[in-house]
Every structure is written in C-alpha cells, then in structure tokens.
C-alpha cells in the first residue's frame, strides 16, 4: 500500500482560456436564474 501512494502521479494540465471566453461564461451565469415554486424548479435565461 505504501508504495502505491508514495509514487508521484502525473498532474493535470489546465487549459488556458481567453479573457473573452471567461467573460462570456460569467455573463451567461449571471443571466441564468433558477426559480423554485413548491416542488418545481424553473430554469430561465434572461437573454
């Protein structure tokens, strides 16, 4: 067991996103709303 956990694993390389992509995702998440009514959930996009 010790040998399995002591080995260094390959780390994930993160993808680099452009500032435009990040801004698009932030704007989209701000426009997305979830409204709860009793047992229902309504998903709406304000665009």
PDB file of N, CA and C in Angstrom:
ATOM      1  N   UNK A   1       0.824  -1.204   0.000  1.00  0.00           N
ATOM      2  CA  UNK A   1       0.000   0.000   0.000  1.00  0.00           C
ATOM      3  C   UNK A   1       0.857   1.254   0.000  1.00  0.00           C
ATOM      4  N   UNK A   2       1.894   1.258   0.792  1.00  0.00           N
ATOM      5  CA  UNK A   2       2.742   2.443   0.899  1.00  0.00           C
ATOM      6  C   UNK A   2       3.343   2.796  -0.453  1.00  0.00           C
ATOM      7  N   UNK A   3       3.733   1.786  -1.200  1.00  0.00           N
ATOM      8  CA  UNK A   3       4.371   2.015  -2.488  1.00  0.00           C
ATOM      9  C   UNK A   3       3.409   2.673  -3.488  1.00  0.00           C
ATOM     10  N   UNK A   4       2.138   2.303  -3.436  1.00  0.00           N
ATOM     11  CA  UNK A   4       1.156   2.866  -4.359  1.00  0.00           C
ATOM     12  C   UNK A   4       0.982   4.365  -4.115  1.00  0.00           C
ATOM     13  N   UNK A   5       0.877   4.757  -2.862  1.00  0.00           N
ATOM     14  CA  UNK A   5       0.583   6.144  -2.537  1.00  0.00           C
ATOM     15  C   UNK A   5       1.814   7.033  -2.512  1.00  0.00           C
ATOM     16  N   UNK A   6       2.982   6.465  -2.467  1.00  0.00           N
ATOM     17  CA  UNK A   6       4.178   7.288  -2.404  1.00  0.00           C
ATOM     18  C   UNK A   6       4.685   7.710  -3.786  1.00  0.00           C
ATOM     19  N   UNK A   7       4.193   7.051  -4.834  1.00  0.00           N
ATOM     20  CA  UNK A   7       4.622   7.423  -6.178  1.00  0.00           C
ATOM     21  C   UNK A   7       3.992   8.757  -6.579  1.00  0.00           C
ATOM     22  N   UNK A   8       4.775   9.561  -7.276  1.00  0.00           N
ATOM     23  CA  UNK A   8       4.253  10.841  -7.737  1.00  0.00           C
ATOM     24  C   UNK A   8       3.413  10.607  -8.988  1.00  0.00           C
ATOM     25  N   UNK A   9       2.218  11.101  -8.986  1.00  0.00           N
ATOM     26  CA  UNK A   9       1.309  10.930 -10.116  1.00  0.00           C
ATOM     27  C   UNK A   9       1.470  12.089 -11.080  1.00  0.00           C
ATOM     28  N   UNK A  10       1.143  11.841 -12.343  1.00  0.00           N
ATOM     29  CA  UNK A  10       1.148  12.918 -13.339  1.00  0.00           C
ATOM     30  C   UNK A  10       0.039  13.896 -12.995  1.00  0.00           C
ATOM     31  N   UNK A  11       0.361  15.162 -13.000  1.00  0.00           N
ATOM     32  CA  UNK A  11      -0.653  16.163 -12.674  1.00  0.00           C
ATOM     33  C   UNK A  11      -1.367  16.610 -13.939  1.00  0.00           C
ATOM     34  N   UNK A  12      -2.568  17.071 -13.770  1.00  0.00           N
ATOM     35  CA  UNK A  12      -3.360  17.560 -14.904  1.00  0.00           C
ATOM     36  C   UNK A  12      -2.861  18.932 -15.317  1.00  0.00           C
ATOM     37  N   UNK A  13      -2.848  19.165 -16.598  1.00  0.00           N
ATOM     38  CA  UNK A  13      -2.501  20.486 -17.098  1.00  0.00           C
ATOM     39  C   UNK A  13      -3.803  21.217 -17.397  1.00  0.00           C
ATOM     40  N   UNK A  14      -3.947  22.406 -16.858  1.00  0.00           N
ATOM     41  CA  UNK A  14      -5.153  23.176 -17.058  1.00  0.00           C
ATOM     42  C   UNK A  14      -5.131  23.863 -18.415  1.00  0.00           C
ATOM     43  N   UNK A  15      -6.276  23.881 -19.041  1.00  0.00           N
ATOM     44  CA  UNK A  15      -6.399  24.580 -20.324  1.00  0.00           C
ATOM     45  C   UNK A  15      -6.465  26.074 -20.059  1.00  0.00           C
ATOM     46  N   UNK A  16      -5.839  26.838 -20.903  1.00  0.00           N
ATOM     47  CA  UNK A  16      -5.867  28.288 -20.750  1.00  0.00           C
ATOM     48  C   UNK A  16      -7.012  28.838 -21.582  1.00  0.00           C
ATOM     49  N   UNK A  17      -7.849  29.623 -20.934  1.00  0.00           N
ATOM     50  CA  UNK A  17      -8.994  30.229 -21.616  1.00  0.00           C
ATOM     51  C   UNK A  17      -8.698  31.694 -21.879  1.00  0.00           C
ATOM     52  N   UNK A  18      -9.220  32.174 -22.997  1.00  0.00           N
ATOM     53  CA  UNK A  18      -9.021  33.582 -23.336  1.00  0.00           C
ATOM     54  C   UNK A  18      -9.920  34.450 -22.450  1.00  0.00           C
ATOM     55  N   UNK A  19      -9.567  35.703 -22.256  1.00  0.00           N
ATOM     56  CA  UNK A  19     -10.406  36.601 -21.452  1.00  0.00           C
ATOM     57  C   UNK A  19     -11.832  36.725 -22.006  1.00  0.00           C
ATOM     58  N   UNK A  20     -11.988  36.629 -23.334  1.00  0.00           N
ATOM     59  CA  UNK A  20     -13.320  36.704 -23.927  1.00  0.00           C
ATOM     60  C   UNK A  20     -14.175  35.511 -23.513  1.00  0.00           C
ATOM     61  N   UNK A  21     -13.575  34.339 -23.466  1.00  0.00           N
ATOM     62  CA  UNK A  21     -14.298  33.142 -23.059  1.00  0.00           C
ATOM     63  C   UNK A  21     -14.730  33.245 -21.607  1.00  0.00           C
ATOM     64  N   UNK A  22     -13.850  33.695 -20.766  1.00  0.00           N
ATOM     65  CA  UNK A  22     -14.167  33.851 -19.347  1.00  0.00           C
ATOM     66  C   UNK A  22     -15.288  34.860 -19.162  1.00  0.00           C
ATOM     67  N   UNK A  23     -15.223  35.974 -19.883  1.00  0.00           N
ATOM     68  CA  UNK A  23     -16.264  36.997 -19.780  1.00  0.00           C
ATOM     69  C   UNK A  23     -17.606  36.465 -20.259  1.00  0.00           C
ATOM     70  N   UNK A  24     -17.591  35.685 -21.342  1.00  0.00           N
ATOM     71  CA  UNK A  24     -18.828  35.089 -21.857  1.00  0.00           C
ATOM     72  C   UNK A  24     -19.456  34.176 -20.809  1.00  0.00           C
ATOM     73  N   UNK A  25     -18.659  33.317 -20.188  1.00  0.00           N
ATOM     74  CA  UNK A  25     -19.181  32.389 -19.184  1.00  0.00           C
ATOM     75  C   UNK A  25     -19.712  33.128 -17.959  1.00  0.00           C
ATOM     76  N   UNK A  26     -19.035  34.181 -17.539  1.00  0.00           N
ATOM     77  CA  UNK A  26     -19.516  34.968 -16.403  1.00  0.00           C
ATOM     78  C   UNK A  26     -20.833  35.660 -16.730  1.00  0.00           C
ATOM     79  N   UNK A  27     -20.933  36.243 -17.921  1.00  0.00           N
ATOM     80  CA  UNK A  27     -22.172  36.899 -18.331  1.00  0.00           C
ATOM     81  C   UNK A  27     -23.327  35.901 -18.415  1.00  0.00           C
ATOM     82  N   UNK A  28     -23.056  34.727 -18.951  1.00  0.00           N
ATOM     83  CA  UNK A  28     -24.102  33.705 -19.065  1.00  0.00           C
ATOM     84  C   UNK A  28     -24.567  33.259 -17.682  1.00  0.00           C
ATOM     85  N   UNK A  29     -23.638  33.036 -16.774  1.00  0.00           N
ATOM     86  CA  UNK A  29     -24.024  32.568 -15.441  1.00  0.00           C
ATOM     87  C   UNK A  29     -24.811  33.634 -14.688  1.00  0.00           C
ATOM     88  N   UNK A  30     -24.543  34.904 -14.966  1.00  0.00           N
ATOM     89  CA  UNK A  30     -25.311  35.975 -14.323  1.00  0.00           C
ATOM     90  C   UNK A  30     -26.727  36.045 -14.875  1.00  0.00           C
ATOM     91  N   UNK A  31     -26.922  35.666 -16.140  1.00  0.00           N
ATOM     92  CA  UNK A  31     -28.243  35.767 -16.755  1.00  0.00           C
ATOM     93  C   UNK A  31     -29.100  34.529 -16.480  1.00  0.00           C
ATOM     94  N   UNK A  32     -28.531  33.497 -15.931  1.00  0.00           N
ATOM     95  CA  UNK A  32     -29.240  32.240 -15.692  1.00  0.00           C
ATOM     96  C   UNK A  32     -29.843  32.253 -14.294  1.00  0.00           C
ATOM     97  N   UNK A  33     -31.142  32.009 -14.191  1.00  0.00           N
ATOM     98  CA  UNK A  33     -31.829  32.015 -12.898  1.00  0.00           C
ATOM     99  C   UNK A  33     -32.615  30.722 -12.716  1.00  0.00           C
ATOM    100  N   UNK A  34     -32.663  30.246 -11.479  1.00  0.00           N
ATOM    101  CA  UNK A  34     -33.478  29.097 -11.119  1.00  0.00           C
ATOM    102  C   UNK A  34     -34.499  29.572 -10.095  1.00  0.00           C
ATOM    103  N   UNK A  35     -35.781  29.406 -10.422  1.00  0.00           N
ATOM    104  CA  UNK A  35     -36.865  29.817  -9.539  1.00  0.00           C
ATOM    105  C   UNK A  35     -37.515  28.566  -8.971  1.00  0.00           C
ATOM    106  N   UNK A  36     -37.622  28.508  -7.663  1.00  0.00           N
ATOM    107  CA  UNK A  36     -38.252  27.369  -7.009  1.00  0.00           C
ATOM    108  C   UNK A  36     -39.663  27.753  -6.581  1.00  0.00           C
ATOM    109  N   UNK A  37     -40.622  26.898  -6.907  1.00  0.00           N
ATOM    110  CA  UNK A  37     -42.007  27.103  -6.515  1.00  0.00           C
ATOM    111  C   UNK A  37     -42.571  25.758  -6.089  1.00  0.00           C
ATOM    112  N   UNK A  38     -42.854  25.646  -4.813  1.00  0.00           N
ATOM    113  CA  UNK A  38     -43.316  24.393  -4.211  1.00  0.00           C
ATOM    114  C   UNK A  38     -42.339  23.273  -4.565  1.00  0.00           C
ATOM    115  N   UNK A  39     -42.764  22.262  -5.323  1.00  0.00           N
ATOM    116  CA  UNK A  39     -41.886  21.138  -5.678  1.00  0.00           C
ATOM    117  C   UNK A  39     -41.246  21.301  -7.046  1.00  0.00           C
ATOM    118  N   UNK A  40     -41.440  22.455  -7.691  1.00  0.00           N
ATOM    119  CA  UNK A  40     -40.961  22.660  -9.050  1.00  0.00           C
ATOM    120  C   UNK A  40     -39.751  23.587  -9.075  1.00  0.00           C
ATOM    121  N   UNK A  41     -38.911  23.394 -10.072  1.00  0.00           N
ATOM    122  CA  UNK A  41     -37.783  24.290 -10.329  1.00  0.00           C
ATOM    123  C   UNK A  41     -37.894  24.759 -11.780  1.00  0.00           C
ATOM    124  N   UNK A  42     -37.855  26.070 -11.966  1.00  0.00           N
ATOM    125  CA  UNK A  42     -37.926  26.652 -13.298  1.00  0.00           C
ATOM    126  C   UNK A  42     -36.582  27.289 -13.627  1.00  0.00           C
ATOM    127  N   UNK A  43     -36.026  26.907 -14.757  1.00  0.00           N
ATOM    128  CA  UNK A  43     -34.757  27.458 -15.203  1.00  0.00           C
ATOM    129  C   UNK A  43     -35.027  28.485 -16.296  1.00  0.00           C
ATOM    130  N   UNK A  44     -34.548  29.693 -16.110  1.00  0.00           N
ATOM    131  CA  UNK A  44     -34.771  30.741 -17.107  1.00  0.00           C
ATOM    132  C   UNK A  44     -33.469  31.444 -17.432  1.00  0.00           C
ATOM    133  N   UNK A  45     -33.370  31.839 -18.697  1.00  0.00           N
ATOM    134  CA  UNK A  45     -32.243  32.650 -19.138  1.00  0.00           C
ATOM    135  C   UNK A  45     -32.790  34.030 -19.464  1.00  0.00           C
ATOM    136  N   UNK A  46     -32.177  35.057 -18.913  1.00  0.00           N
ATOM    137  CA  UNK A  46     -32.690  36.406 -19.061  1.00  0.00           C
ATOM    138  C   UNK A  46     -32.274  37.067 -20.372  1.00  0.00           C
ATOM    139  N   UNK A  47     -31.656  36.323 -21.274  1.00  0.00           N
ATOM    140  CA  UNK A  47     -31.254  36.888 -22.571  1.00  0.00           C
ATOM    141  C   UNK A  47     -32.387  36.822 -23.554  1.00  0.00           C
TER     142      UNK A  47
END
